[in-house]
Protein backbone atom coordinates (compact mmCIF):
# COMPACT_ATOMS: atom_id res chain seq x y z
CA MET A 1 0.00 0.00 0.00
CA SER A 2 1.20 3.54 -0.64
CA ASN A 3 0.19 6.70 1.20
CA VAL A 4 -0.31 9.95 -0.68
CA ASN A 5 -0.50 13.14 1.40
CA GLY A 6 -3.50 14.56 -0.24
CA VAL A 7 -11.25 13.24 -7.28
CA GLY A 8 -12.66 11.58 -9.50
CA SER A 9 -13.74 7.98 -9.22
CA ASN A 10 -13.53 7.48 -12.99
CA ILE A 11 -9.75 7.58 -13.04
CA PHE A 12 -9.53 4.96 -10.31
CA ASP A 13 -12.04 2.75 -12.12
CA GLN A 14 -9.81 2.96 -15.20
CA ILE A 15 -6.74 2.01 -13.15
CA ASN A 16 -8.53 -0.95 -11.61
CA GLN A 17 -9.62 -2.24 -15.02
CA ALA A 18 -6.18 -1.72 -16.53
CA ASN A 19 -4.35 -3.46 -13.69
CA GLN A 20 -6.77 -6.38 -13.60
CA SER A 21 -6.33 -7.01 -17.33
CA GLN A 22 -2.57 -6.61 -17.01
CA ALA A 23 -2.50 -9.22 -14.27
CA LYS A 24 -3.66 -11.98 -16.67
CA PRO A 25 -1.02 -14.53 -17.73
CA GLN A 26 1.01 -13.46 -20.74
CA ALA A 27 1.78 -17.01 -21.84
CA GLY A 28 -0.31 -16.75 -25.01
CA LYS A 29 2.41 -15.20 -27.18
CA SER A 30 5.13 -17.67 -26.18
CA GLU A 31 2.75 -20.61 -26.61
CA ASP A 32 1.83 -19.41 -30.12
CA SER A 33 5.51 -19.06 -31.06
CA GLU A 34 6.35 -22.50 -29.69
CA MET A 35 3.44 -24.08 -31.55
CA PHE A 36 4.47 -22.36 -34.79
CA MET A 37 8.06 -23.63 -34.48
CA LYS A 38 6.86 -27.17 -33.76
CA LEU A 39 4.66 -27.11 -36.85
CA LEU A 40 7.52 -25.70 -38.95
CA ILE A 41 9.96 -28.42 -37.77
CA ALA A 42 7.36 -31.13 -38.34
CA GLN A 43 6.82 -29.76 -41.84
CA LEU A 44 10.57 -29.93 -42.55
CA GLN A 45 10.89 -33.45 -41.11
CA ASN A 46 7.96 -34.83 -43.08
CA GLN A 47 8.50 -33.17 -46.45
CA ASP A 48 9.00 -35.29 -49.53
CA PRO A 49 12.80 -35.54 -50.15
CA SER A 50 12.17 -35.80 -53.87
CA SER A 51 10.15 -32.59 -53.86
CA PRO A 52 11.39 -30.37 -51.01
CA ALA A 53 9.47 -27.28 -50.03
CA ASP A 54 10.54 -23.93 -51.37
CA PRO A 55 12.84 -22.25 -48.77
CA ALA A 56 11.25 -18.93 -49.66
CA ASP A 57 7.95 -20.21 -48.27
CA PHE A 58 9.60 -21.05 -44.92
CA MET A 59 11.23 -17.64 -44.77
CA GLN A 60 7.90 -15.99 -45.50
CA GLN A 61 6.27 -17.89 -42.63
CA ILE A 62 9.06 -16.91 -40.23
CA THR A 63 8.79 -13.28 -41.35
CA ASN A 64 5.05 -13.31 -40.74
CA LEU A 65 5.53 -14.71 -37.25
CA SER A 66 8.15 -12.05 -36.48
CA SER A 67 5.81 -9.30 -37.65
CA VAL A 68 2.96 -10.57 -35.46
CA GLU A 69 5.25 -10.75 -32.41
CA SER A 70 6.52 -7.21 -33.06
CA ILE A 71 2.97 -5.87 -33.16
CA GLN A 72 2.10 -7.73 -29.94
CA ASN A 73 5.19 -6.35 -28.20
CA LEU A 74 4.37 -2.82 -29.33
CA SER A 75 0.82 -3.20 -28.03
CA ALA A 76 2.10 -4.41 -24.64
CA THR A 77 4.51 -1.47 -24.44
CA MET A 78 1.77 1.06 -25.17
CA GLU A 79 -0.49 -0.59 -22.57
CA ASN A 80 2.25 -0.34 -19.93
CA MET A 81 2.78 3.34 -20.76
CA SER A 82 -0.95 3.97 -20.46
CA ASN A 83 -1.09 2.23 -17.05
CA THR A 84 1.85 4.30 -15.81
CA MET A 85 0.18 7.53 -16.91
CA LEU A 86 -3.09 6.54 -15.23
CA SER A 87 -1.29 5.72 -11.96
CA SER A 88 0.52 9.06 -12.02
CA GLN A 89 -2.70 10.93 -12.69
CA ALA A 90 -4.42 9.03 -9.85
CA ALA A 91 -1.68 9.99 -7.39
CA LEU A 92 -1.96 13.62 -8.48
CA GLN A 93 -5.72 13.68 -8.02
CA ALA A 94 -5.45 11.87 -4.68
CA SER A 95 -3.00 14.47 -3.36
CA SER A 96 -5.51 17.23 -4.17
CA MET A 97 -8.05 15.60 -1.82
CA VAL A 98 -6.00 16.28 1.34
CA GLY A 99 -7.63 19.02 3.41
CA GLN A 100 -11.07 18.52 1.88
CA ARG A 101 -14.10 17.35 3.85
CA ALA A 102 -15.32 13.78 3.30
CA TYR A 103 -18.94 13.15 4.21
CA VAL A 104 -18.94 9.60 5.55
CA ASN A 105 -21.84 7.23 6.14
CA THR A 106 -21.90 7.41 9.96
CA ASN A 107 -23.90 9.15 12.68
CA ILE A 108 -20.85 9.77 14.90
CA ALA A 109 -19.54 13.35 14.90
CA GLN A 110 -16.51 14.88 16.60
CA LEU A 111 -16.77 18.24 18.35
CA TYR A 112 -13.22 19.58 18.61
CA GLU A 113 -13.81 22.54 20.92
CA GLU A 114 -16.39 24.08 23.19
CA GLU A 115 -18.92 26.16 21.24
CA GLY A 116 -17.54 24.59 18.07
CA TYR A 117 -19.60 22.97 15.34
CA VAL A 118 -20.07 19.73 13.40
CA ASP A 119 -21.41 19.46 9.87
CA GLY A 120 -23.02 16.70 7.86
CA LEU A 121 -25.77 15.94 5.38
CA VAL A 122 -28.96 13.92 5.30
CA SER A 123 -30.05 11.94 2.26
CA LEU A 124 -33.79 11.87 1.56
CA GLU A 125 -35.39 9.43 -0.88
CA GLN A 126 -38.62 11.46 -0.83
CA SER A 127 -39.77 14.88 0.31
CA ALA A 128 -40.35 15.46 4.02
CA SER A 129 -42.46 18.02 5.85
CA ASP A 130 -39.66 18.34 8.41
CA VAL A 131 -36.15 17.01 9.07
CA ARG A 132 -35.28 16.82 12.76
CA ILE A 133 -31.63 16.58 13.86
CA SER A 134 -31.13 15.26 17.42
CA ILE A 135 -27.71 15.37 19.11
CA TYR A 136 -26.78 12.88 21.88
CA ASP A 137 -23.66 12.79 24.04
CA ALA A 138 -21.59 9.67 24.88
CA SER A 139 -23.98 8.74 27.71
CA GLY A 140 -27.01 8.84 25.40
CA THR A 141 -28.42 12.11 26.77
CA LYS A 142 -29.97 14.45 24.21
CA VAL A 143 -28.07 17.75 24.34
CA ASP A 144 -29.72 19.61 21.49
CA GLU A 145 -32.22 19.42 18.64
CA VAL A 146 -32.30 21.27 15.32
CA SER A 147 -35.14 21.47 12.79
CA MET A 148 -34.26 21.79 9.11
CA GLY A 149 -37.89 22.32 8.13
CA ALA A 150 -39.49 20.92 4.98
CA GLN A 151 -37.04 19.46 2.45
CA PRO A 152 -37.36 17.97 -1.06
CA PRO A 153 -35.76 14.62 -2.04
CA GLY A 154 -31.96 14.62 -2.29
CA ASP A 155 -28.92 15.45 -0.16
CA HIS A 156 -29.12 18.36 2.28
CA ASN A 157 -26.25 19.79 4.31
CA PHE A 158 -26.65 20.90 7.92
CA VAL A 159 -24.49 22.40 10.67
CA TRP A 160 -24.89 21.97 14.42
CA GLN A 161 -23.43 24.82 16.44
CA ALA A 162 -22.67 23.68 20.00
CA GLY A 163 -23.74 26.04 22.75
CA PRO A 164 -21.80 27.19 25.83
CA GLY A 165 -20.87 24.42 28.25
CA VAL A 166 -21.06 21.65 25.67
CA PRO A 167 -17.67 19.89 25.98
CA PRO A 168 -15.57 18.60 23.06
CA GLY A 169 -15.91 14.90 22.24
CA ASN A 170 -17.90 12.41 20.20
CA TYR A 171 -21.62 12.92 19.67
CA ARG A 172 -24.30 10.82 17.99
CA ILE A 173 -26.31 12.64 15.34
CA VAL A 174 -29.75 11.27 14.51
CA ALA A 175 -31.71 12.64 11.55
CA GLU A 176 -35.43 11.83 11.40
CA THR A 177 -38.47 12.65 9.28
CA PRO A 178 -42.21 12.40 10.13
CA MET A 179 -43.83 9.02 9.48
CA GLY A 180 -47.57 8.95 8.91
CA ALA A 181 -50.04 11.17 10.72
CA GLU A 182 -49.38 9.94 14.27
CA GLY A 183 -46.50 12.30 15.03
CA LYS A 184 -43.94 9.51 14.81
CA TYR A 185 -40.52 9.93 13.22
CA GLU A 186 -38.25 7.52 11.35
CA GLU A 187 -34.48 7.76 11.03
CA VAL A 188 -32.87 8.61 7.68
CA ALA A 189 -29.30 8.19 6.42
CA THR A 190 -26.77 10.59 7.92
CA TYR A 191 -23.31 11.44 6.57
CA MET A 192 -20.91 13.36 8.82
CA GLY A 193 -18.03 15.54 7.64
CA PHE A 194 -14.38 14.79 8.47
CA ASN A 195 -11.13 16.34 7.28
CA ILE A 196 -9.10 14.17 4.90
CA ASN A 197 -5.59 13.86 6.35
CA SER A 198 -4.17 11.60 3.64
CA VAL A 199 -5.20 9.16 0.92
CA THR A 200 -4.14 5.52 0.66
CA LEU A 201 -3.93 3.91 -2.77
CA GLY A 202 -4.18 0.12 -2.95
CA GLN A 203 -1.54 -2.14 -4.44
CA ASN A 204 -1.15 -1.51 -8.20
CA GLY A 205 -3.62 1.36 -7.82
CA ILE A 206 -6.56 -0.94 -7.05
CA GLY A 207 -8.77 0.45 -4.28
CA MET A 208 -8.51 3.74 -2.42
CA LYS A 209 -9.17 4.92 1.14
CA VAL A 210 -9.31 8.36 2.67
CA ASN A 211 -7.69 8.64 6.10
CA THR A 212 -9.60 10.74 8.65
CA ALA A 213 -9.68 11.27 12.40
CA ILE A 214 -12.02 8.28 12.74
CA GLY A 215 -9.81 5.99 10.64
CA SER A 216 -9.49 4.85 7.02
CA ILE A 217 -12.69 5.07 4.99
CA ASP A 218 -13.38 3.30 1.68
CA MET A 219 -14.30 5.72 -1.08
CA SER A 220 -17.53 3.73 -1.53
CA ASP A 221 -18.64 4.99 1.91
CA VAL A 222 -17.98 8.65 1.04
CA LYS A 223 -21.14 10.42 -0.06
CA GLN A 224 -19.66 13.80 -0.91
CA LEU A 225 -16.39 15.72 -0.95
CA GLY A 226 -16.29 19.38 -0.09
């Protein structure tokens, strides 16, 4: 694994595909050459001595084989160059992610200082007449509640500003929307924001994780970068 102190999922998908195809055995070319030589020797051994084959024909066959191998080698060289360029571009893009905010699929938030703030987003599959954000401390006590009001479907960012006397630490953030007409609420997906300290690229560029204060996070668990 390699660490890059520092977007675009497309470039990493391209790297994954390129490396996976490159990892396949390359025995095909050597097997073809060996088979061709065996056939050529067998042809020489079994030719009619009274009517030998034209040497020009053998030379033409060897020339054709050489041309095919040259084309295959050139193709492999170009593929290797392309993979190298993709890896370099991936490292460059990864380094640009350092310092950004990654919104991760979790309801745990970190308050770094008294009267500080935490930010996140809620993801709604359908419109809601209200989105209620409840904040709980480590003991499970509700310390605050914020209403976002009516919201359409989609992703919606929010910020909780801690009041005086609220100590730094980890807090649980619960986002809920009304369910039915009985005044009940149901929880919806919450994504909390964390600073990206570094990015880890997988071996041969396959896979990527962003490293935050709560640990390494797979890019598949990151909803948004900002």
